[in-house]
């Protein structure tokens, strides 16, 4: 499976760390690390909160998978 989110990229762009994000969300750094490496995904409410904290649109945290989804429907 390909990367669904680009939280790590946006954190770098905003000059923030995973530790900072974990503190803001009251989550463990391990949990945030799993999101950043796309091992697991945050739920939609948390994703929305991340977008607010980083001052970006929630869509900026997601990779476009529309082509892959269409391809899998036809093959």
PDB file of N, CA and C in Angstrom:
ATOM      1  N   UNK A   1       0.846  -1.179   0.000  1.00  0.00           N
ATOM      2  CA  UNK A   1       0.000   0.000   0.000  1.00  0.00           C
ATOM      3  C   UNK A   1       0.891   1.242   0.000  1.00  0.00           C
ATOM      4  N   UNK A   2       0.491   2.228  -0.745  1.00  0.00           N
ATOM      5  CA  UNK A   2       1.251   3.473  -0.821  1.00  0.00           C
ATOM      6  C   UNK A   2       0.921   4.376   0.359  1.00  0.00           C
ATOM      7  N   UNK A   3       1.729   5.405   0.506  1.00  0.00           N
ATOM      8  CA  UNK A   3       1.516   6.353   1.596  1.00  0.00           C
ATOM      9  C   UNK A   3       0.209   7.108   1.402  1.00  0.00           C
ATOM     10  N   UNK A   4      -0.630   7.087   2.424  1.00  0.00           N
ATOM     11  CA  UNK A   4      -1.907   7.792   2.354  1.00  0.00           C
ATOM     12  C   UNK A   4      -1.791   9.232   2.822  1.00  0.00           C
ATOM     13  N   UNK A   5      -0.897   9.470   3.776  1.00  0.00           N
ATOM     14  CA  UNK A   5      -0.772  10.840   4.278  1.00  0.00           C
ATOM     15  C   UNK A   5       0.639  11.359   4.040  1.00  0.00           C
ATOM     16  N   UNK A   6       0.751  12.661   4.113  1.00  0.00           N
ATOM     17  CA  UNK A   6       2.072  13.306   3.985  1.00  0.00           C
ATOM     18  C   UNK A   6       2.301  14.240   5.180  1.00  0.00           C
ATOM     19  N   UNK A   7       1.922  13.759   6.347  1.00  0.00           N
ATOM     20  CA  UNK A   7       2.088  14.533   7.579  1.00  0.00           C
ATOM     21  C   UNK A   7       3.558  14.887   7.787  1.00  0.00           C
ATOM     22  N   UNK A   8       4.440  13.923   7.561  1.00  0.00           N
ATOM     23  CA  UNK A   8       5.874  14.163   7.771  1.00  0.00           C
ATOM     24  C   UNK A   8       6.372  15.306   6.899  1.00  0.00           C
ATOM     25  N   UNK A   9       5.952  15.330   5.645  1.00  0.00           N
ATOM     26  CA  UNK A   9       6.371  16.378   4.708  1.00  0.00           C
ATOM     27  C   UNK A   9       5.896  17.744   5.184  1.00  0.00           C
ATOM     28  N   UNK A  10       4.639  17.813   5.618  1.00  0.00           N
ATOM     29  CA  UNK A  10       4.083  19.094   6.062  1.00  0.00           C
ATOM     30  C   UNK A  10       4.754  19.553   7.356  1.00  0.00           C
ATOM     31  N   UNK A  11       5.058  18.627   8.237  1.00  0.00           N
ATOM     32  CA  UNK A  11       5.796  18.988   9.454  1.00  0.00           C
ATOM     33  C   UNK A  11       7.132  19.645   9.104  1.00  0.00           C
ATOM     34  N   UNK A  12       7.835  19.074   8.151  1.00  0.00           N
ATOM     35  CA  UNK A  12       9.126  19.638   7.728  1.00  0.00           C
ATOM     36  C   UNK A  12       8.917  21.020   7.123  1.00  0.00           C
ATOM     37  N   UNK A  13       7.916  21.151   6.263  1.00  0.00           N
ATOM     38  CA  UNK A  13       7.637  22.444   5.631  1.00  0.00           C
ATOM     39  C   UNK A  13       7.319  23.514   6.667  1.00  0.00           C
ATOM     40  N   UNK A  14       6.624  23.122   7.726  1.00  0.00           N
ATOM     41  CA  UNK A  14       6.225  24.064   8.769  1.00  0.00           C
ATOM     42  C   UNK A  14       7.265  24.192   9.874  1.00  0.00           C
ATOM     43  N   UNK A  15       8.376  23.481   9.701  1.00  0.00           N
ATOM     44  CA  UNK A  15       9.471  23.502  10.685  1.00  0.00           C
ATOM     45  C   UNK A  15       8.995  23.075  12.084  1.00  0.00           C
ATOM     46  N   UNK A  16       8.208  22.025  12.104  1.00  0.00           N
ATOM     47  CA  UNK A  16       7.704  21.444  13.346  1.00  0.00           C
ATOM     48  C   UNK A  16       8.193  20.009  13.434  1.00  0.00           C
ATOM     49  N   UNK A  17       8.213  19.484  14.641  1.00  0.00           N
ATOM     50  CA  UNK A  17       8.667  18.112  14.851  1.00  0.00           C
ATOM     51  C   UNK A  17       7.505  17.203  15.232  1.00  0.00           C
ATOM     52  N   UNK A  18       7.744  15.918  15.090  1.00  0.00           N
ATOM     53  CA  UNK A  18       6.757  14.948  15.541  1.00  0.00           C
ATOM     54  C   UNK A  18       6.520  15.058  17.044  1.00  0.00           C
ATOM     55  N   UNK A  19       7.583  15.361  17.775  1.00  0.00           N
ATOM     56  CA  UNK A  19       7.445  15.526  19.231  1.00  0.00           C
ATOM     57  C   UNK A  19       6.520  16.697  19.541  1.00  0.00           C
ATOM     58  N   UNK A  20       6.686  17.799  18.818  1.00  0.00           N
ATOM     59  CA  UNK A  20       5.812  18.965  19.011  1.00  0.00           C
ATOM     60  C   UNK A  20       4.360  18.580  18.727  1.00  0.00           C
ATOM     61  N   UNK A  21       4.134  17.876  17.621  1.00  0.00           N
ATOM     62  CA  UNK A  21       2.772  17.478  17.259  1.00  0.00           C
ATOM     63  C   UNK A  21       2.179  16.557  18.317  1.00  0.00           C
ATOM     64  N   UNK A  22       2.972  15.621  18.797  1.00  0.00           N
ATOM     65  CA  UNK A  22       2.507  14.701  19.847  1.00  0.00           C
ATOM     66  C   UNK A  22       2.084  15.472  21.097  1.00  0.00           C
ATOM     67  N   UNK A  23       2.878  16.457  21.492  1.00  0.00           N
ATOM     68  CA  UNK A  23       2.541  17.260  22.670  1.00  0.00           C
ATOM     69  C   UNK A  23       1.252  18.035  22.459  1.00  0.00           C
ATOM     70  N   UNK A  24       1.073  18.606  21.277  1.00  0.00           N
ATOM     71  CA  UNK A  24      -0.133  19.387  20.986  1.00  0.00           C
ATOM     72  C   UNK A  24      -1.387  18.523  21.006  1.00  0.00           C
ATOM     73  N   UNK A  25      -1.251  17.287  20.566  1.00  0.00           N
ATOM     74  CA  UNK A  25      -2.393  16.380  20.467  1.00  0.00           C
ATOM     75  C   UNK A  25      -2.569  15.501  21.703  1.00  0.00           C
ATOM     76  N   UNK A  26      -1.647  15.603  22.645  1.00  0.00           N
ATOM     77  CA  UNK A  26      -1.655  14.742  23.835  1.00  0.00           C
ATOM     78  C   UNK A  26      -1.614  13.266  23.435  1.00  0.00           C
ATOM     79  N   UNK A  27      -0.753  12.986  22.464  1.00  0.00           N
ATOM     80  CA  UNK A  27      -0.528  11.622  21.993  1.00  0.00           C
ATOM     81  C   UNK A  27       0.928  11.273  22.237  1.00  0.00           C
ATOM     82  N   UNK A  28       1.241   9.995  22.173  1.00  0.00           N
ATOM     83  CA  UNK A  28       2.636   9.603  22.364  1.00  0.00           C
ATOM     84  C   UNK A  28       3.430   9.900  21.092  1.00  0.00           C
ATOM     85  N   UNK A  29       4.706  10.220  21.252  1.00  0.00           N
ATOM     86  CA  UNK A  29       5.551  10.415  20.061  1.00  0.00           C
ATOM     87  C   UNK A  29       5.579   9.173  19.167  1.00  0.00           C
ATOM     88  N   UNK A  30       5.432   8.014  19.760  1.00  0.00           N
ATOM     89  CA  UNK A  30       5.410   6.767  18.990  1.00  0.00           C
ATOM     90  C   UNK A  30       4.205   6.726  18.042  1.00  0.00           C
ATOM     91  N   UNK A  31       3.061   7.168  18.532  1.00  0.00           N
ATOM     92  CA  UNK A  31       1.852   7.206  17.702  1.00  0.00           C
ATOM     93  C   UNK A  31       2.039   8.148  16.521  1.00  0.00           C
ATOM     94  N   UNK A  32       2.558   9.335  16.788  1.00  0.00           N
ATOM     95  CA  UNK A  32       2.784  10.312  15.725  1.00  0.00           C
ATOM     96  C   UNK A  32       3.819   9.785  14.734  1.00  0.00           C
ATOM     97  N   UNK A  33       4.836   9.107  15.226  1.00  0.00           N
ATOM     98  CA  UNK A  33       5.847   8.524  14.353  1.00  0.00           C
ATOM     99  C   UNK A  33       5.217   7.503  13.397  1.00  0.00           C
ATOM    100  N   UNK A  34       4.286   6.716  13.890  1.00  0.00           N
ATOM    101  CA  UNK A  34       3.598   5.729  13.044  1.00  0.00           C
ATOM    102  C   UNK A  34       2.766   6.419  11.973  1.00  0.00           C
ATOM    103  N   UNK A  35       2.151   7.554  12.320  1.00  0.00           N
ATOM    104  CA  UNK A  35       1.406   8.317  11.310  1.00  0.00           C
ATOM    105  C   UNK A  35       2.364   8.857  10.255  1.00  0.00           C
ATOM    106  N   UNK A  36       3.485   9.398  10.704  1.00  0.00           N
ATOM    107  CA  UNK A  36       4.458  10.011   9.781  1.00  0.00           C
ATOM    108  C   UNK A  36       5.082   8.984   8.841  1.00  0.00           C
ATOM    109  N   UNK A  37       5.208   7.762   9.302  1.00  0.00           N
ATOM    110  CA  UNK A  37       5.776   6.708   8.462  1.00  0.00           C
ATOM    111  C   UNK A  37       4.696   5.914   7.730  1.00  0.00           C
ATOM    112  N   UNK A  38       3.442   6.315   7.906  1.00  0.00           N
ATOM    113  CA  UNK A  38       2.296   5.666   7.266  1.00  0.00           C
ATOM    114  C   UNK A  38       2.135   4.208   7.677  1.00  0.00           C
ATOM    115  N   UNK A  39       2.622   3.879   8.874  1.00  0.00           N
ATOM    116  CA  UNK A  39       2.396   2.546   9.424  1.00  0.00           C
ATOM    117  C   UNK A  39       0.939   2.413   9.849  1.00  0.00           C
ATOM    118  N   UNK A  40       0.427   3.477  10.470  1.00  0.00           N
ATOM    119  CA  UNK A  40      -0.988   3.588  10.810  1.00  0.00           C
ATOM    120  C   UNK A  40      -1.457   4.973  10.391  1.00  0.00           C
ATOM    121  N   UNK A  41      -2.763   5.187  10.441  1.00  0.00           N
ATOM    122  CA  UNK A  41      -3.322   6.469  10.038  1.00  0.00           C
ATOM    123  C   UNK A  41      -4.132   7.070  11.186  1.00  0.00           C
ATOM    124  N   UNK A  42      -4.091   8.399  11.329  1.00  0.00           N
ATOM    125  CA  UNK A  42      -4.945   9.042  12.329  1.00  0.00           C
ATOM    126  C   UNK A  42      -6.396   9.008  11.853  1.00  0.00           C
ATOM    127  N   UNK A  43      -7.323   9.040  12.806  1.00  0.00           N
ATOM    128  CA  UNK A  43      -8.718   9.105  12.391  1.00  0.00           C
ATOM    129  C   UNK A  43      -9.020  10.507  11.846  1.00  0.00           C
ATOM    130  N   UNK A  44     -10.169  10.673  11.250  1.00  0.00           N
ATOM    131  CA  UNK A  44     -10.481  11.932  10.571  1.00  0.00           C
ATOM    132  C   UNK A  44     -10.540  13.123  11.513  1.00  0.00           C
ATOM    133  N   UNK A  45     -11.028  12.928  12.724  1.00  0.00           N
ATOM    134  CA  UNK A  45     -11.070  14.036  13.684  1.00  0.00           C
ATOM    135  C   UNK A  45      -9.657  14.488  14.048  1.00  0.00           C
ATOM    136  N   UNK A  46      -8.774  13.542  14.243  1.00  0.00           N
ATOM    137  CA  UNK A  46      -7.386  13.873  14.572  1.00  0.00           C
ATOM    138  C   UNK A  46      -6.701  14.512  13.368  1.00  0.00           C
ATOM    139  N   UNK A  47      -6.966  13.997  12.183  1.00  0.00           N
ATOM    140  CA  UNK A  47      -6.385  14.575  10.976  1.00  0.00           C
ATOM    141  C   UNK A  47      -6.816  16.034  10.818  1.00  0.00           C
ATOM    142  N   UNK A  48      -8.075  16.311  11.106  1.00  0.00           N
ATOM    143  CA  UNK A  48      -8.579  17.685  11.057  1.00  0.00           C
ATOM    144  C   UNK A  48      -7.857  18.560  12.077  1.00  0.00           C
ATOM    145  N   UNK A  49      -7.623  18.036  13.271  1.00  0.00           N
ATOM    146  CA  UNK A  49      -6.919  18.788  14.315  1.00  0.00           C
ATOM    147  C   UNK A  49      -5.470  19.050  13.901  1.00  0.00           C
ATOM    148  N   UNK A  50      -4.837  18.078  13.284  1.00  0.00           N
ATOM    149  CA  UNK A  50      -3.464  18.262  12.795  1.00  0.00           C
ATOM    150  C   UNK A  50      -3.428  19.395  11.781  1.00  0.00           C
ATOM    151  N   UNK A  51      -4.396  19.405  10.877  1.00  0.00           N
ATOM    152  CA  UNK A  51      -4.465  20.470   9.868  1.00  0.00           C
ATOM    153  C   UNK A  51      -4.607  21.838  10.538  1.00  0.00           C
ATOM    154  N   UNK A  52      -5.441  21.921  11.563  1.00  0.00           N
ATOM    155  CA  UNK A  52      -5.610  23.183  12.281  1.00  0.00           C
ATOM    156  C   UNK A  52      -4.305  23.618  12.931  1.00  0.00           C
ATOM    157  N   UNK A  53      -3.635  22.688  13.592  1.00  0.00           N
ATOM    158  CA  UNK A  53      -2.385  23.014  14.279  1.00  0.00           C
ATOM    159  C   UNK A  53      -1.300  23.468  13.302  1.00  0.00           C
ATOM    160  N   UNK A  54      -1.286  22.861  12.129  1.00  0.00           N
ATOM    161  CA  UNK A  54      -0.260  23.198  11.138  1.00  0.00           C
ATOM    162  C   UNK A  54      -0.710  24.309  10.190  1.00  0.00           C
ATOM    163  N   UNK A  55      -1.925  24.773  10.399  1.00  0.00           N
ATOM    164  CA  UNK A  55      -2.494  25.862   9.594  1.00  0.00           C
ATOM    165  C   UNK A  55      -2.478  25.540   8.105  1.00  0.00           C
ATOM    166  N   UNK A  56      -2.973  24.341   7.784  1.00  0.00           N
ATOM    167  CA  UNK A  56      -3.112  23.906   6.396  1.00  0.00           C
ATOM    168  C   UNK A  56      -4.506  23.315   6.205  1.00  0.00           C
ATOM    169  N   UNK A  57      -4.904  23.164   4.969  1.00  0.00           N
ATOM    170  CA  UNK A  57      -6.142  22.466   4.655  1.00  0.00           C
ATOM    171  C   UNK A  57      -5.911  20.980   4.874  1.00  0.00           C
ATOM    172  N   UNK A  58      -6.913  20.286   5.350  1.00  0.00           N
ATOM    173  CA  UNK A  58      -6.765  18.855   5.618  1.00  0.00           C
ATOM    174  C   UNK A  58      -6.343  18.107   4.350  1.00  0.00           C
ATOM    175  N   UNK A  59      -6.759  18.591   3.184  1.00  0.00           N
ATOM    176  CA  UNK A  59      -6.353  17.959   1.920  1.00  0.00           C
ATOM    177  C   UNK A  59      -4.840  18.011   1.719  1.00  0.00           C
ATOM    178  N   UNK A  60      -4.188  19.001   2.315  1.00  0.00           N
ATOM    179  CA  UNK A  60      -2.732  19.114   2.195  1.00  0.00           C
ATOM    180  C   UNK A  60      -2.001  18.015   2.951  1.00  0.00           C
ATOM    181  N   UNK A  61      -2.710  17.319   3.812  1.00  0.00           N
ATOM    182  CA  UNK A  61      -2.110  16.237   4.590  1.00  0.00           C
ATOM    183  C   UNK A  61      -2.297  14.877   3.933  1.00  0.00           C
ATOM    184  N   UNK A  62      -3.032  14.850   2.833  1.00  0.00           N
ATOM    185  CA  UNK A  62      -3.347  13.589   2.161  1.00  0.00           C
ATOM    186  C   UNK A  62      -2.697  13.524   0.793  1.00  0.00           C
ATOM    187  N   UNK A  63      -2.199  12.358   0.450  1.00  0.00           N
ATOM    188  CA  UNK A  63      -1.671  12.131  -0.891  1.00  0.00           C
ATOM    189  C   UNK A  63      -2.817  11.794  -1.822  1.00  0.00           C
ATOM    190  N   UNK A  64      -2.723  12.230  -3.052  1.00  0.00           N
ATOM    191  CA  UNK A  64      -3.749  11.933  -4.044  1.00  0.00           C
ATOM    192  C   UNK A  64      -3.611  10.484  -4.474  1.00  0.00           C
ATOM    193  N   UNK A  65      -4.602   9.689  -4.164  1.00  0.00           N
ATOM    194  CA  UNK A  65      -4.595   8.276  -4.532  1.00  0.00           C
ATOM    195  C   UNK A  65      -5.699   7.972  -5.542  1.00  0.00           C
ATOM    196  N   UNK A  66      -6.292   8.997  -6.133  1.00  0.00           N
ATOM    197  CA  UNK A  66      -7.434   8.787  -7.024  1.00  0.00           C
ATOM    198  C   UNK A  66      -7.067   7.908  -8.223  1.00  0.00           C
ATOM    199  N   UNK A  67      -5.900   8.098  -8.816  1.00  0.00           N
ATOM    200  CA  UNK A  67      -5.501   7.286  -9.967  1.00  0.00           C
ATOM    201  C   UNK A  67      -5.340   5.826  -9.559  1.00  0.00           C
ATOM    202  N   UNK A  68      -4.702   5.591  -8.424  1.00  0.00           N
ATOM    203  CA  UNK A  68      -4.498   4.221  -7.947  1.00  0.00           C
ATOM    204  C   UNK A  68      -5.837   3.552  -7.671  1.00  0.00           C
ATOM    205  N   UNK A  69      -6.771   4.308  -7.087  1.00  0.00           N
ATOM    206  CA  UNK A  69      -8.087   3.757  -6.776  1.00  0.00           C
ATOM    207  C   UNK A  69      -8.809   3.379  -8.059  1.00  0.00           C
ATOM    208  N   UNK A  70      -8.764   4.242  -9.055  1.00  0.00           N
ATOM    209  CA  UNK A  70      -9.412   3.949 -10.333  1.00  0.00           C
ATOM    210  C   UNK A  70      -8.787   2.732 -10.992  1.00  0.00           C
ATOM    211  N   UNK A  71      -7.461   2.647 -10.953  1.00  0.00           N
ATOM    212  CA  UNK A  71      -6.770   1.518 -11.539  1.00  0.00           C
ATOM    213  C   UNK A  71      -7.197   0.203 -10.886  1.00  0.00           C
ATOM    214  N   UNK A  72      -7.332   0.192  -9.558  1.00  0.00           N
ATOM    215  CA  UNK A  72      -7.680  -1.040  -8.864  1.00  0.00           C
ATOM    216  C   UNK A  72      -9.111  -1.454  -9.149  1.00  0.00           C
ATOM    217  N   UNK A  73      -9.974  -0.506  -9.496  1.00  0.00           N
ATOM    218  CA  UNK A  73     -11.359  -0.850  -9.831  1.00  0.00           C
ATOM    219  C   UNK A  73     -11.460  -1.596 -11.159  1.00  0.00           C
ATOM    220  N   UNK A  74     -10.535  -1.307 -12.049  1.00  0.00           N
ATOM    221  CA  UNK A  74     -10.621  -1.884 -13.389  1.00  0.00           C
ATOM    222  C   UNK A  74      -9.717  -3.088 -13.597  1.00  0.00           C
ATOM    223  N   UNK A  75      -8.888  -3.401 -12.615  1.00  0.00           N
ATOM    224  CA  UNK A  75      -7.972  -4.546 -12.778  1.00  0.00           C
ATOM    225  C   UNK A  75      -8.149  -5.544 -11.685  1.00  0.00           C
TER     226      UNK A  75
END
